[in-house]
Amino acid sequence: MKPHDRQVHKKKDVSAIEADVAYFGARIAFAERGEQTVYKQAQRKACEALSRALQAKLERLRRE
């Protein structure tokens, strides 16, 4: 793989991860609205964990 190809691939990865982080942020906000059920609490916790993991990966990609 050429260096330019790696940069393009990395940019696509970063953009996709940023979109996923935004999606999970929206899911978290939605889960916090209205009546708090056990299901919504579990969904919020799962989305928060996934968002944190993606943010850590995003930080690693940006440092490379």
Protein backbone atom coordinates (compact mmCIF):
# COMPACT_ATOMS: atom_id res chain seq x y z
CA MET A 1 0.00 0.00 0.00
CA LYS A 2 1.34 3.44 -0.93
CA PRO A 3 1.69 6.13 1.75
CA HIS A 4 -1.00 8.23 0.05
CA ASP A 5 -3.38 5.28 0.08
CA ARG A 6 -2.84 4.87 3.83
CA GLN A 7 -3.68 8.54 4.43
CA VAL A 8 -6.90 8.25 2.43
CA HIS A 9 -7.84 5.05 4.26
CA LYS A 10 -7.07 6.68 7.63
CA LYS A 11 -9.25 9.70 6.76
CA LYS A 12 -12.13 7.39 5.88
CA ASP A 13 -11.68 5.53 9.17
CA VAL A 14 -11.60 8.78 11.14
CA SER A 15 -14.73 10.08 9.41
CA ALA A 16 -16.60 6.83 9.96
CA ILE A 17 -15.65 6.72 13.64
CA GLU A 18 -16.66 10.36 14.11
CA ALA A 19 -20.05 9.53 12.60
CA ASP A 20 -20.43 6.54 14.92
CA VAL A 21 -19.54 8.66 17.96
CA ALA A 22 -22.18 11.21 16.92
CA TYR A 23 -24.74 8.42 16.48
CA PHE A 24 -24.06 7.03 19.93
CA GLY A 25 -24.26 10.55 21.36
CA ALA A 26 -27.73 10.89 19.88
CA ARG A 27 -28.77 7.47 21.23
CA ILE A 28 -27.54 8.46 24.69
CA ALA A 29 -29.50 11.72 24.56
CA PHE A 30 -32.61 9.84 23.43
CA ALA A 31 -32.25 7.26 26.20
CA GLU A 32 -32.05 10.04 28.81
CA ARG A 33 -35.41 11.50 27.75
CA GLY A 34 -38.76 10.45 29.11
CA GLU A 35 -39.48 7.68 31.54
CA GLN A 36 -36.35 5.90 32.72
CA THR A 37 -36.87 2.20 32.26
CA VAL A 38 -34.36 -0.55 32.94
CA TYR A 39 -34.10 -1.05 29.17
CA LYS A 40 -33.27 2.63 28.56
CA GLN A 41 -30.66 2.59 31.33
CA ALA A 42 -29.02 -0.49 29.83
CA GLN A 43 -29.12 1.02 26.36
CA ARG A 44 -27.54 4.25 27.62
CA LYS A 45 -24.77 2.37 29.42
CA ALA A 46 -24.01 0.26 26.35
CA CYS A 47 -23.93 3.31 24.08
CA GLU A 48 -21.68 5.18 26.53
CA ALA A 49 -19.24 2.25 26.62
CA LEU A 50 -19.18 1.98 22.83
CA SER A 51 -18.75 5.73 22.47
CA ARG A 52 -15.80 5.75 24.89
CA ALA A 53 -14.14 2.88 23.02
CA LEU A 54 -14.60 4.62 19.68
CA GLN A 55 -13.29 7.91 21.06
CA ALA A 56 -10.15 6.15 22.30
CA LYS A 57 -9.64 4.58 18.88
CA LEU A 58 -10.20 7.96 17.24
CA GLU A 59 -7.54 9.54 19.45
CA ARG A 60 -5.06 6.78 18.50
CA LEU A 61 -5.76 7.26 14.79
CA ARG A 62 -5.28 11.00 15.05
CA ARG A 63 -1.90 10.57 16.76
CA GLU A 64 -0.57 8.32 13.99
